[in-house]
Amino acid sequence: MSLITDLQESPTSLSAASKFTVCNGYIYLASGALLLVWPGAVQSLFFDAEFVGHEAGLMRVIGMTLAIIGWFYFFGGRSGGRQMVAASVLDRITLVPLVLLPLVLAGVFPHTFGLFAILDPLLGLVAWWLLVRERR
């Protein structure tokens, strides 16, 4: 099989949790692409401080990272595996807020990181709820 054919494979029916993970992939791909192409979005959309150094380059790296996370969420969700959804929950409800909230409190891109510090755990909790609901 070719690589493209392998990427197009998907189970005939996906669970709600897998479909939700695919949707999360779209969110992260889009937000990552936005920051990659337009790092100044953090000022225009989130009212964070102007860049004073090389922060635009760092925002592009964050954008690339978000896009890669979105890529894996998209294809992980399309795989239909419950373990992919479960694995995504753990880091989202623990690691993300533990890292981002101190940065927000320190004033490092407080609106941008604050949004992700709230949104990511909420999306993780919804994914967890969908997993629990499917088990019943």
N, C-alpha and C. Protein backbone atom coordinates (compact mmCIF):
# COMPACT_ATOMS: atom_id res chain seq x y z
N MET A 1 0.83 -1.19 0.00
CA MET A 1 0.00 0.00 0.00
C MET A 1 0.86 1.25 0.00
N SER A 2 0.33 2.28 -0.57
CA SER A 2 1.07 3.54 -0.56
C SER A 2 0.80 4.30 0.74
N LEU A 3 1.64 5.25 1.02
CA LEU A 3 1.49 6.06 2.23
C LEU A 3 0.14 6.78 2.25
N ILE A 4 -0.25 7.33 1.12
CA ILE A 4 -1.53 8.06 1.04
C ILE A 4 -2.70 7.11 1.29
N THR A 5 -2.63 5.92 0.74
CA THR A 5 -3.69 4.93 0.97
C THR A 5 -3.77 4.57 2.45
N ASP A 6 -2.62 4.42 3.08
CA ASP A 6 -2.59 4.12 4.51
C ASP A 6 -3.22 5.25 5.32
N LEU A 7 -2.94 6.49 4.94
CA LEU A 7 -3.52 7.63 5.65
C LEU A 7 -5.03 7.72 5.47
N GLN A 8 -5.54 7.22 4.37
CA GLN A 8 -6.97 7.30 4.09
C GLN A 8 -7.77 6.20 4.78
N GLU A 9 -7.11 5.20 5.33
CA GLU A 9 -7.82 4.12 6.01
C GLU A 9 -8.55 4.64 7.24
N SER A 10 -9.71 4.08 7.48
CA SER A 10 -10.48 4.42 8.67
C SER A 10 -11.50 3.32 8.91
N PRO A 11 -11.78 3.00 10.19
CA PRO A 11 -12.83 2.01 10.45
C PRO A 11 -14.16 2.48 9.88
N THR A 12 -15.03 1.53 9.62
CA THR A 12 -16.32 1.90 9.03
C THR A 12 -17.16 2.76 9.96
N SER A 13 -17.06 2.51 11.26
CA SER A 13 -17.82 3.35 12.20
C SER A 13 -16.90 3.76 13.34
N LEU A 14 -16.96 5.03 13.66
CA LEU A 14 -16.15 5.57 14.75
C LEU A 14 -17.03 5.88 15.94
N SER A 15 -16.49 5.70 17.13
CA SER A 15 -17.21 6.04 18.34
C SER A 15 -17.32 7.56 18.46
N ALA A 16 -18.18 8.01 19.34
CA ALA A 16 -18.33 9.44 19.57
C ALA A 16 -17.02 10.04 20.08
N ALA A 17 -16.31 9.30 20.94
CA ALA A 17 -15.04 9.80 21.47
C ALA A 17 -14.01 9.94 20.35
N SER A 18 -13.97 9.00 19.42
CA SER A 18 -13.03 9.09 18.30
C SER A 18 -13.40 10.25 17.38
N LYS A 19 -14.68 10.43 17.11
CA LYS A 19 -15.12 11.55 16.28
C LYS A 19 -14.78 12.88 16.96
N PHE A 20 -14.92 12.94 18.27
CA PHE A 20 -14.58 14.15 19.02
C PHE A 20 -13.09 14.42 18.92
N THR A 21 -12.28 13.37 18.98
CA THR A 21 -10.83 13.53 18.86
C THR A 21 -10.47 14.03 17.46
N VAL A 22 -11.15 13.56 16.45
CA VAL A 22 -10.94 14.06 15.09
C VAL A 22 -11.26 15.55 15.03
N CYS A 23 -12.37 15.95 15.63
CA CYS A 23 -12.74 17.37 15.66
C CYS A 23 -11.70 18.20 16.41
N ASN A 24 -11.18 17.66 17.50
CA ASN A 24 -10.10 18.34 18.23
C ASN A 24 -8.88 18.51 17.32
N GLY A 25 -8.63 17.50 16.51
CA GLY A 25 -7.54 17.60 15.55
C GLY A 25 -7.70 18.77 14.62
N TYR A 26 -8.93 18.97 14.13
CA TYR A 26 -9.20 20.14 13.27
C TYR A 26 -8.93 21.44 14.01
N ILE A 27 -9.35 21.52 15.27
CA ILE A 27 -9.15 22.73 16.07
C ILE A 27 -7.66 23.03 16.21
N TYR A 28 -6.88 22.02 16.55
CA TYR A 28 -5.45 22.22 16.75
C TYR A 28 -4.71 22.46 15.44
N LEU A 29 -5.10 21.78 14.39
CA LEU A 29 -4.50 22.05 13.08
C LEU A 29 -4.76 23.49 12.66
N ALA A 30 -5.98 23.95 12.83
CA ALA A 30 -6.33 25.32 12.43
C ALA A 30 -5.62 26.36 13.29
N SER A 31 -5.62 26.16 14.60
CA SER A 31 -4.96 27.15 15.47
C SER A 31 -3.45 27.13 15.25
N GLY A 32 -2.89 25.96 15.02
CA GLY A 32 -1.46 25.86 14.74
C GLY A 32 -1.11 26.54 13.43
N ALA A 33 -1.92 26.30 12.40
CA ALA A 33 -1.67 26.93 11.11
C ALA A 33 -1.78 28.46 11.23
N LEU A 34 -2.73 28.93 12.01
CA LEU A 34 -2.89 30.36 12.21
C LEU A 34 -1.63 30.98 12.80
N LEU A 35 -1.12 30.37 13.89
CA LEU A 35 0.08 30.92 14.53
C LEU A 35 1.34 30.74 13.68
N LEU A 36 1.36 29.69 12.90
CA LEU A 36 2.51 29.45 12.03
C LEU A 36 2.57 30.51 10.93
N VAL A 37 1.43 30.81 10.34
CA VAL A 37 1.37 31.77 9.25
C VAL A 37 1.32 33.21 9.75
N TRP A 38 0.64 33.44 10.86
CA TRP A 38 0.42 34.80 11.36
C TRP A 38 0.69 34.84 12.87
N PRO A 39 1.94 34.87 13.28
CA PRO A 39 2.24 34.88 14.71
C PRO A 39 1.68 36.10 15.43
N GLY A 40 1.45 37.19 14.70
CA GLY A 40 0.88 38.40 15.29
C GLY A 40 -0.57 38.24 15.70
N ALA A 41 -1.15 37.06 15.44
CA ALA A 41 -2.53 36.82 15.86
C ALA A 41 -2.68 36.93 17.37
N VAL A 42 -1.60 36.67 18.10
CA VAL A 42 -1.68 36.75 19.57
C VAL A 42 -1.97 38.18 20.02
N GLN A 43 -1.52 39.16 19.25
CA GLN A 43 -1.84 40.55 19.60
C GLN A 43 -3.20 40.95 19.05
N SER A 44 -3.47 40.59 17.81
CA SER A 44 -4.70 41.03 17.16
C SER A 44 -5.95 40.36 17.74
N LEU A 45 -5.85 39.08 18.03
CA LEU A 45 -7.03 38.34 18.51
C LEU A 45 -7.10 38.22 20.02
N PHE A 46 -5.94 38.12 20.68
CA PHE A 46 -5.92 37.85 22.11
C PHE A 46 -5.43 39.03 22.95
N PHE A 47 -5.08 40.14 22.29
CA PHE A 47 -4.67 41.38 22.97
C PHE A 47 -3.46 41.20 23.89
N ASP A 48 -2.57 40.30 23.52
CA ASP A 48 -1.33 40.14 24.27
C ASP A 48 -0.34 41.23 23.85
N ALA A 49 0.72 41.39 24.61
CA ALA A 49 1.70 42.45 24.38
C ALA A 49 2.41 42.28 23.04
N GLU A 50 2.88 43.40 22.52
CA GLU A 50 3.65 43.39 21.28
C GLU A 50 4.95 42.62 21.49
N PHE A 51 5.46 42.04 20.43
CA PHE A 51 6.73 41.34 20.48
C PHE A 51 7.85 42.35 20.68
N VAL A 52 8.82 42.03 21.51
CA VAL A 52 9.97 42.92 21.72
C VAL A 52 11.28 42.28 21.24
N GLY A 53 11.24 41.02 20.95
CA GLY A 53 12.43 40.31 20.50
C GLY A 53 12.08 39.35 19.39
N HIS A 54 12.40 38.11 19.64
CA HIS A 54 12.18 37.06 18.64
C HIS A 54 10.96 36.20 18.95
N GLU A 55 9.99 36.80 19.62
CA GLU A 55 8.81 36.03 20.00
C GLU A 55 8.01 35.54 18.80
N ALA A 56 8.05 36.27 17.70
CA ALA A 56 7.31 35.82 16.51
C ALA A 56 7.81 34.45 16.07
N GLY A 57 9.12 34.25 16.11
CA GLY A 57 9.67 32.94 15.76
C GLY A 57 9.22 31.87 16.73
N LEU A 58 9.18 32.21 18.01
CA LEU A 58 8.71 31.24 19.01
C LEU A 58 7.22 30.92 18.81
N MET A 59 6.43 31.94 18.43
CA MET A 59 5.01 31.69 18.16
C MET A 59 4.85 30.76 16.97
N ARG A 60 5.72 30.91 15.99
CA ARG A 60 5.67 30.00 14.83
C ARG A 60 5.99 28.57 15.26
N VAL A 61 6.95 28.41 16.17
CA VAL A 61 7.27 27.07 16.68
C VAL A 61 6.08 26.51 17.45
N ILE A 62 5.43 27.34 18.25
CA ILE A 62 4.23 26.90 18.97
C ILE A 62 3.14 26.52 17.96
N GLY A 63 3.01 27.32 16.91
CA GLY A 63 2.04 27.00 15.86
C GLY A 63 2.34 25.67 15.20
N MET A 64 3.61 25.43 14.89
CA MET A 64 3.99 24.16 14.29
C MET A 64 3.67 23.00 15.24
N THR A 65 3.96 23.20 16.52
CA THR A 65 3.69 22.17 17.52
C THR A 65 2.20 21.88 17.60
N LEU A 66 1.38 22.93 17.64
CA LEU A 66 -0.07 22.74 17.68
C LEU A 66 -0.57 22.02 16.43
N ALA A 67 -0.02 22.37 15.28
CA ALA A 67 -0.44 21.71 14.04
C ALA A 67 -0.07 20.23 14.06
N ILE A 68 1.11 19.90 14.57
CA ILE A 68 1.51 18.49 14.66
C ILE A 68 0.61 17.74 15.65
N ILE A 69 0.30 18.37 16.78
CA ILE A 69 -0.63 17.76 17.74
C ILE A 69 -1.98 17.53 17.06
N GLY A 70 -2.45 18.52 16.31
CA GLY A 70 -3.72 18.37 15.59
C GLY A 70 -3.68 17.24 14.58
N TRP A 71 -2.55 17.12 13.88
CA TRP A 71 -2.37 16.04 12.91
C TRP A 71 -2.51 14.67 13.59
N PHE A 72 -1.86 14.52 14.75
CA PHE A 72 -1.93 13.25 15.46
C PHE A 72 -3.32 13.01 16.06
N TYR A 73 -3.96 14.06 16.57
CA TYR A 73 -5.34 13.89 17.07
C TYR A 73 -6.26 13.48 15.94
N PHE A 74 -6.11 14.12 14.78
CA PHE A 74 -6.96 13.80 13.63
C PHE A 74 -6.81 12.32 13.25
N PHE A 75 -5.58 11.90 13.04
CA PHE A 75 -5.38 10.52 12.60
C PHE A 75 -5.55 9.52 13.74
N GLY A 76 -5.23 9.91 14.95
CA GLY A 76 -5.48 9.04 16.09
C GLY A 76 -6.97 8.79 16.29
N GLY A 77 -7.76 9.85 16.14
CA GLY A 77 -9.22 9.69 16.23
C GLY A 77 -9.76 8.82 15.11
N ARG A 78 -9.22 9.01 13.90
CA ARG A 78 -9.67 8.21 12.76
C ARG A 78 -9.28 6.74 12.89
N SER A 79 -8.31 6.44 13.74
CA SER A 79 -7.92 5.04 13.92
C SER A 79 -8.99 4.26 14.68
N GLY A 80 -9.79 4.99 15.47
CA GLY A 80 -10.86 4.35 16.22
C GLY A 80 -10.43 3.75 17.54
N GLY A 81 -9.18 3.89 17.91
CA GLY A 81 -8.68 3.29 19.15
C GLY A 81 -9.04 4.10 20.38
N ARG A 82 -9.62 3.43 21.36
CA ARG A 82 -9.97 4.09 22.63
C ARG A 82 -8.72 4.58 23.35
N GLN A 83 -7.62 3.85 23.19
CA GLN A 83 -6.41 4.22 23.91
C GLN A 83 -5.87 5.57 23.43
N MET A 84 -6.10 5.92 22.19
CA MET A 84 -5.66 7.23 21.69
C MET A 84 -6.42 8.34 22.42
N VAL A 85 -7.71 8.16 22.56
CA VAL A 85 -8.53 9.16 23.25
C VAL A 85 -8.11 9.24 24.71
N ALA A 86 -7.94 8.09 25.35
CA ALA A 86 -7.55 8.07 26.76
C ALA A 86 -6.18 8.71 26.97
N ALA A 87 -5.25 8.43 26.09
CA ALA A 87 -3.91 9.00 26.22
C ALA A 87 -3.95 10.53 26.09
N SER A 88 -4.83 11.03 25.25
CA SER A 88 -4.91 12.48 25.07
C SER A 88 -5.51 13.17 26.29
N VAL A 89 -6.30 12.45 27.06
CA VAL A 89 -6.95 13.05 28.23
C VAL A 89 -5.93 13.35 29.33
N LEU A 90 -5.04 12.43 29.59
CA LEU A 90 -4.13 12.56 30.72
C LEU A 90 -3.27 13.82 30.67
N ASP A 91 -2.65 14.06 29.54
CA ASP A 91 -1.79 15.25 29.47
C ASP A 91 -2.59 16.54 29.44
N ARG A 92 -3.78 16.47 28.90
CA ARG A 92 -4.59 17.68 28.76
C ARG A 92 -5.12 18.18 30.10
N ILE A 93 -5.43 17.26 31.00
CA ILE A 93 -6.00 17.71 32.28
C ILE A 93 -4.94 17.87 33.37
N THR A 94 -3.71 17.44 33.09
CA THR A 94 -2.65 17.60 34.10
C THR A 94 -1.53 18.49 33.61
N LEU A 95 -0.81 18.05 32.61
CA LEU A 95 0.40 18.72 32.17
C LEU A 95 0.14 20.12 31.61
N VAL A 96 -0.86 20.25 30.76
CA VAL A 96 -1.12 21.55 30.12
C VAL A 96 -1.38 22.65 31.14
N PRO A 97 -2.31 22.46 32.09
CA PRO A 97 -2.52 23.54 33.06
C PRO A 97 -1.32 23.75 33.98
N LEU A 98 -0.61 22.67 34.33
CA LEU A 98 0.56 22.81 35.20
C LEU A 98 1.66 23.65 34.57
N VAL A 99 1.78 23.59 33.27
CA VAL A 99 2.81 24.37 32.57
C VAL A 99 2.30 25.76 32.21
N LEU A 100 1.09 25.84 31.68
CA LEU A 100 0.61 27.11 31.16
C LEU A 100 0.14 28.10 32.23
N LEU A 101 -0.50 27.63 33.28
CA LEU A 101 -1.00 28.57 34.29
C LEU A 101 0.10 29.39 34.96
N PRO A 102 1.25 28.80 35.34
CA PRO A 102 2.32 29.65 35.88
C PRO A 102 2.83 30.68 34.87
N LEU A 103 2.84 30.31 33.59
CA LEU A 103 3.25 31.27 32.57
C LEU A 103 2.25 32.42 32.46
N VAL A 104 0.97 32.08 32.54
CA VAL A 104 -0.07 33.12 32.51
C VAL A 104 0.11 34.06 33.70
N LEU A 105 0.32 33.49 34.87
CA LEU A 105 0.50 34.31 36.08
C LEU A 105 1.76 35.17 36.00
N ALA A 106 2.76 34.70 35.25
CA ALA A 106 3.99 35.47 35.07
C ALA A 106 3.85 36.52 33.97
N GLY A 107 2.70 36.53 33.29
CA GLY A 107 2.46 37.53 32.25
C GLY A 107 3.00 37.15 30.88
N VAL A 108 3.32 35.88 30.67
CA VAL A 108 3.82 35.42 29.37
C VAL A 108 2.63 35.07 28.48
N PHE A 109 2.37 35.91 27.51
CA PHE A 109 1.23 35.72 26.61
C PHE A 109 -0.01 35.28 27.40
N PRO A 110 -0.43 36.08 28.37
CA PRO A 110 -1.46 35.63 29.30
C PRO A 110 -2.80 35.27 28.66
N HIS A 111 -3.20 35.98 27.63
CA HIS A 111 -4.50 35.67 27.02
C HIS A 111 -4.42 34.43 26.14
N THR A 112 -3.36 34.32 25.37
CA THR A 112 -3.20 33.16 24.49
C THR A 112 -3.01 31.88 25.30
N PHE A 113 -2.04 31.89 26.22
CA PHE A 113 -1.80 30.71 27.03
C PHE A 113 -2.96 30.44 27.98
N GLY A 114 -3.60 31.48 28.46
CA GLY A 114 -4.77 31.32 29.33
C GLY A 114 -5.90 30.59 28.62
N LEU A 115 -6.13 30.98 27.37
CA LEU A 115 -7.16 30.30 26.58
C LEU A 115 -6.86 28.82 26.46
N PHE A 116 -5.62 28.48 26.12
CA PHE A 116 -5.26 27.07 25.98
C PHE A 116 -5.25 26.35 27.33
N ALA A 117 -4.90 27.05 28.40
CA ALA A 117 -4.89 26.44 29.74
C ALA A 117 -6.29 26.09 30.19
N ILE A 118 -7.29 26.75 29.65
CA ILE A 118 -8.69 26.45 29.99
C ILE A 118 -9.31 25.52 28.95
N LEU A 119 -9.12 25.85 27.67
CA LEU A 119 -9.76 25.08 26.60
C LEU A 119 -9.26 23.64 26.53
N ASP A 120 -7.96 23.43 26.61
CA ASP A 120 -7.42 22.09 26.45
C ASP A 120 -7.91 21.12 27.54
N PRO A 121 -7.86 21.50 28.83
CA PRO A 121 -8.42 20.59 29.84
C PRO A 121 -9.93 20.36 29.67
N LEU A 122 -10.66 21.40 29.26
CA LEU A 122 -12.10 21.21 29.03
C LEU A 122 -12.36 20.20 27.91
N LEU A 123 -11.62 20.33 26.82
CA LEU A 123 -11.76 19.35 25.73
C LEU A 123 -11.35 17.96 26.19
N GLY A 124 -10.32 17.88 27.02
CA GLY A 124 -9.90 16.59 27.56
C GLY A 124 -10.97 15.98 28.45
N LEU A 125 -11.63 16.80 29.26
CA LEU A 125 -12.70 16.29 30.12
C LEU A 125 -13.89 15.80 29.30
N VAL A 126 -14.21 16.50 28.22
CA VAL A 126 -15.30 16.04 27.34
C VAL A 126 -14.93 14.70 26.72
N ALA A 127 -13.68 14.56 26.27
CA ALA A 127 -13.24 13.29 25.70
C ALA A 127 -13.34 12.17 26.73
N TRP A 128 -12.95 12.46 27.96
CA TRP A 128 -13.03 11.48 29.04
C TRP A 128 -14.48 11.09 29.28
N TRP A 129 -15.36 12.07 29.32
CA TRP A 129 -16.79 11.81 29.53
C TRP A 129 -17.34 10.92 28.41
N LEU A 130 -16.94 11.19 27.17
CA LEU A 130 -17.39 10.37 26.05
C LEU A 130 -16.89 8.94 26.17
N LEU A 131 -15.66 8.76 26.63
CA LEU A 131 -15.13 7.41 26.85
C LEU A 131 -15.93 6.66 27.91
N VAL A 132 -16.21 7.35 29.01
CA VAL A 132 -16.97 6.71 30.10
C VAL A 132 -18.38 6.38 29.64
N ARG A 133 -18.99 7.29 28.90
CA ARG A 133 -20.36 7.08 28.40
C ARG A 133 -20.42 5.88 27.46
N GLU A 134 -19.39 5.71 26.62
CA GLU A 134 -19.38 4.59 25.67
C GLU A 134 -19.24 3.26 26.39
N ARG A 135 -18.51 3.26 27.49
CA ARG A 135 -18.27 2.02 28.22
C ARG A 135 -19.58 1.47 28.79
N ARG A 136 -20.51 2.35 29.12
CA ARG A 136 -21.79 1.91 29.72
C ARG A 136 -22.62 1.26 28.71
